[in-house]
Amino acid sequence: MNCYNCTTGSRVIQCISTRGASVSEHVKNWNNANKIYYGSQRDNKNYPIKKLPETNPPVRHGFIPESFFTTLYEKTGVTGKQSVIIVINKWRSSADV
């Protein structure tokens, strides 16, 4: 298999697939890395392992978190979103360009 370095175009000496390491050796290396990272000496109390949530939090318009809107509703009522948009537009238009 020919492998080339993308930045210089020169031939890479060894490819990952042709290094001669078998799959069992790779699995053994991954198991050793997991023992080091998740081992008994890891301080799980002060540095817990972060888990990804099972589901995504609710969003509006595809990227704005729902918590932003609920916080605005509690403080400003129904017109909170429009007020924020107007204030941001006024602030942007009043800045010196």
C-alpha atoms as a PDB file:
ATOM      1  CA  MET A   1       0.000   0.000   0.000  1.00  0.00           C
ATOM      2  CA  ASN A   2       1.381   3.408  -0.926  1.00  0.00           C
ATOM      3  CA  CYS A   3       1.062   6.058   1.755  1.00  0.00           C
ATOM      4  CA  TYR A   4       1.946   9.676   1.192  1.00  0.00           C
ATOM      5  CA  ASN A   5       2.335  12.598   3.537  1.00  0.00           C
ATOM      6  CA  CYS A   6      -0.383  15.069   2.581  1.00  0.00           C
ATOM      7  CA  THR A   7       1.590  18.201   3.468  1.00  0.00           C
ATOM      8  CA  THR A   8       4.836  17.410   1.669  1.00  0.00           C
ATOM      9  CA  GLY A   9       3.825  14.695  -0.772  1.00  0.00           C
ATOM     10  CA  SER A  10       6.750  12.526   0.347  1.00  0.00           C
ATOM     11  CA  ARG A  11       6.344   8.832   0.975  1.00  0.00           C
ATOM     12  CA  VAL A  12       5.567   7.905   4.582  1.00  0.00           C
ATOM     13  CA  ILE A  13       7.941   5.212   5.786  1.00  0.00           C
ATOM     14  CA  GLN A  14       5.327   2.923   7.328  1.00  0.00           C
ATOM     15  CA  CYS A  15       1.568   2.856   7.133  1.00  0.00           C
ATOM     16  CA  ILE A  16      -0.587   1.974  10.083  1.00  0.00           C
ATOM     17  CA  SER A  17      -2.009  -0.977   8.213  1.00  0.00           C
ATOM     18  CA  THR A  18       1.441  -2.362   7.288  1.00  0.00           C
ATOM     19  CA  ARG A  19       3.263  -2.023  10.595  1.00  0.00           C
ATOM     20  CA  GLY A  20       2.871  -5.721  11.241  1.00  0.00           C
ATOM     21  CA  ALA A  21       0.873  -5.306  14.443  1.00  0.00           C
ATOM     22  CA  SER A  22      -2.029  -7.686  14.633  1.00  0.00           C
ATOM     23  CA  VAL A  23      -5.521  -6.807  15.751  1.00  0.00           C
ATOM     24  CA  SER A  24      -4.974  -8.579  19.069  1.00  0.00           C
ATOM     25  CA  GLU A  25      -1.951  -6.349  19.758  1.00  0.00           C
ATOM     26  CA  HIS A  26      -4.029  -3.227  19.051  1.00  0.00           C
ATOM     27  CA  VAL A  27      -6.787  -4.471  21.355  1.00  0.00           C
ATOM     28  CA  LYS A  28      -4.206  -5.194  24.055  1.00  0.00           C
ATOM     29  CA  ASN A  29      -2.829  -1.635  23.721  1.00  0.00           C
ATOM     30  CA  TRP A  30      -6.331  -0.164  24.015  1.00  0.00           C
ATOM     31  CA  ASN A  31      -7.019  -2.281  27.108  1.00  0.00           C
ATOM     32  CA  ASN A  32      -3.772  -1.034  28.687  1.00  0.00           C
ATOM     33  CA  ALA A  33      -4.695   2.564  27.904  1.00  0.00           C
ATOM     34  CA  ASN A  34      -8.131   2.071  29.467  1.00  0.00           C
ATOM     35  CA  LYS A  35      -6.529   0.580  32.610  1.00  0.00           C
ATOM     36  CA  ILE A  36      -4.324   3.656  32.915  1.00  0.00           C
ATOM     37  CA  TYR A  37      -7.152   6.149  32.308  1.00  0.00           C
ATOM     38  CA  TYR A  38      -9.906   4.389  34.278  1.00  0.00           C
ATOM     39  CA  GLY A  39      -7.597   2.645  36.747  1.00  0.00           C
ATOM     40  CA  SER A  40      -7.775   2.425  40.519  1.00  0.00           C
ATOM     41  CA  GLN A  41      -5.525   5.468  41.055  1.00  0.00           C
ATOM     42  CA  ARG A  42      -7.814   7.856  39.183  1.00  0.00           C
ATOM     43  CA  ASP A  43      -9.352  10.520  41.432  1.00  0.00           C
ATOM     44  CA  ASN A  44     -13.022   9.998  40.545  1.00  0.00           C
ATOM     45  CA  LYS A  45     -14.229  12.139  43.431  1.00  0.00           C
ATOM     46  CA  ASN A  46     -12.540  15.386  42.346  1.00  0.00           C
ATOM     47  CA  TYR A  47     -12.309  14.570  38.641  1.00  0.00           C
ATOM     48  CA  PRO A  48     -15.304  12.420  37.724  1.00  0.00           C
ATOM     49  CA  ILE A  49     -15.582  10.812  34.321  1.00  0.00           C
ATOM     50  CA  LYS A  50     -18.044  12.883  32.294  1.00  0.00           C
ATOM     51  CA  LYS A  51     -20.827  10.991  30.595  1.00  0.00           C
ATOM     52  CA  LEU A  52     -22.656  12.281  27.554  1.00  0.00           C
ATOM     53  CA  PRO A  53     -26.399  12.689  28.067  1.00  0.00           C
ATOM     54  CA  GLU A  54     -28.660  10.113  26.449  1.00  0.00           C
ATOM     55  CA  THR A  55     -30.754  12.786  24.729  1.00  0.00           C
ATOM     56  CA  ASN A  56     -30.063  16.332  23.595  1.00  0.00           C
ATOM     57  CA  PRO A  57     -31.602  19.196  25.569  1.00  0.00           C
ATOM     58  CA  PRO A  58     -34.580  20.886  23.898  1.00  0.00           C
ATOM     59  CA  VAL A  59     -33.737  23.749  21.540  1.00  0.00           C
ATOM     60  CA  ARG A  60     -35.602  26.352  19.519  1.00  0.00           C
ATOM     61  CA  HIS A  61     -34.673  27.471  16.003  1.00  0.00           C
ATOM     62  CA  GLY A  62     -32.219  24.573  15.849  1.00  0.00           C
ATOM     63  CA  PHE A  63     -29.480  26.054  18.073  1.00  0.00           C
ATOM     64  CA  ILE A  64     -30.859  28.269  20.884  1.00  0.00           C
ATOM     65  CA  PRO A  65     -31.384  26.316  24.134  1.00  0.00           C
ATOM     66  CA  GLU A  66     -34.888  26.254  25.613  1.00  0.00           C
ATOM     67  CA  SER A  67     -33.481  27.402  28.971  1.00  0.00           C
ATOM     68  CA  PHE A  68     -32.641  30.785  27.395  1.00  0.00           C
ATOM     69  CA  PHE A  69     -36.292  31.346  26.510  1.00  0.00           C
ATOM     70  CA  THR A  70     -37.663  30.153  29.848  1.00  0.00           C
ATOM     71  CA  THR A  71     -35.287  32.484  31.707  1.00  0.00           C
ATOM     72  CA  LEU A  72     -36.376  35.407  29.535  1.00  0.00           C
ATOM     73  CA  TYR A  73     -40.042  34.548  30.021  1.00  0.00           C
ATOM     74  CA  GLU A  74     -39.664  34.581  33.802  1.00  0.00           C
ATOM     75  CA  LYS A  75     -37.968  38.001  33.772  1.00  0.00           C
ATOM     76  CA  THR A  76     -39.660  39.884  30.915  1.00  0.00           C
ATOM     77  CA  GLY A  77     -42.860  38.034  30.105  1.00  0.00           C
ATOM     78  CA  VAL A  78     -44.190  37.264  26.653  1.00  0.00           C
ATOM     79  CA  THR A  79     -42.320  40.046  24.818  1.00  0.00           C
ATOM     80  CA  GLY A  80     -38.886  39.124  26.215  1.00  0.00           C
ATOM     81  CA  LYS A  81     -37.531  37.623  23.014  1.00  0.00           C
ATOM     82  CA  GLN A  82     -38.560  40.606  20.928  1.00  0.00           C
ATOM     83  CA  SER A  83     -37.128  42.998  23.523  1.00  0.00           C
ATOM     84  CA  VAL A  84     -33.754  41.282  23.416  1.00  0.00           C
ATOM     85  CA  ILE A  85     -33.672  41.403  19.612  1.00  0.00           C
ATOM     86  CA  ILE A  86     -34.539  45.114  19.590  1.00  0.00           C
ATOM     87  CA  VAL A  87     -31.953  45.955  22.265  1.00  0.00           C
ATOM     88  CA  ILE A  88     -29.207  44.047  20.453  1.00  0.00           C
ATOM     89  CA  ASN A  89     -30.057  45.752  17.133  1.00  0.00           C
ATOM     90  CA  LYS A  90     -30.052  49.205  18.768  1.00  0.00           C
ATOM     91  CA  TRP A  91     -26.735  48.467  20.444  1.00  0.00           C
ATOM     92  CA  ARG A  92     -25.197  47.291  17.151  1.00  0.00           C
ATOM     93  CA  SER A  93     -26.491  50.294  15.212  1.00  0.00           C
ATOM     94  CA  SER A  94     -25.257  52.814  17.791  1.00  0.00           C
ATOM     95  CA  ALA A  95     -21.679  51.483  17.817  1.00  0.00           C
ATOM     96  CA  ASP A  96     -19.086  53.398  15.857  1.00  0.00           C
ATOM     97  CA  VAL A  97     -18.097  51.532  12.768  1.00  0.00           C
END
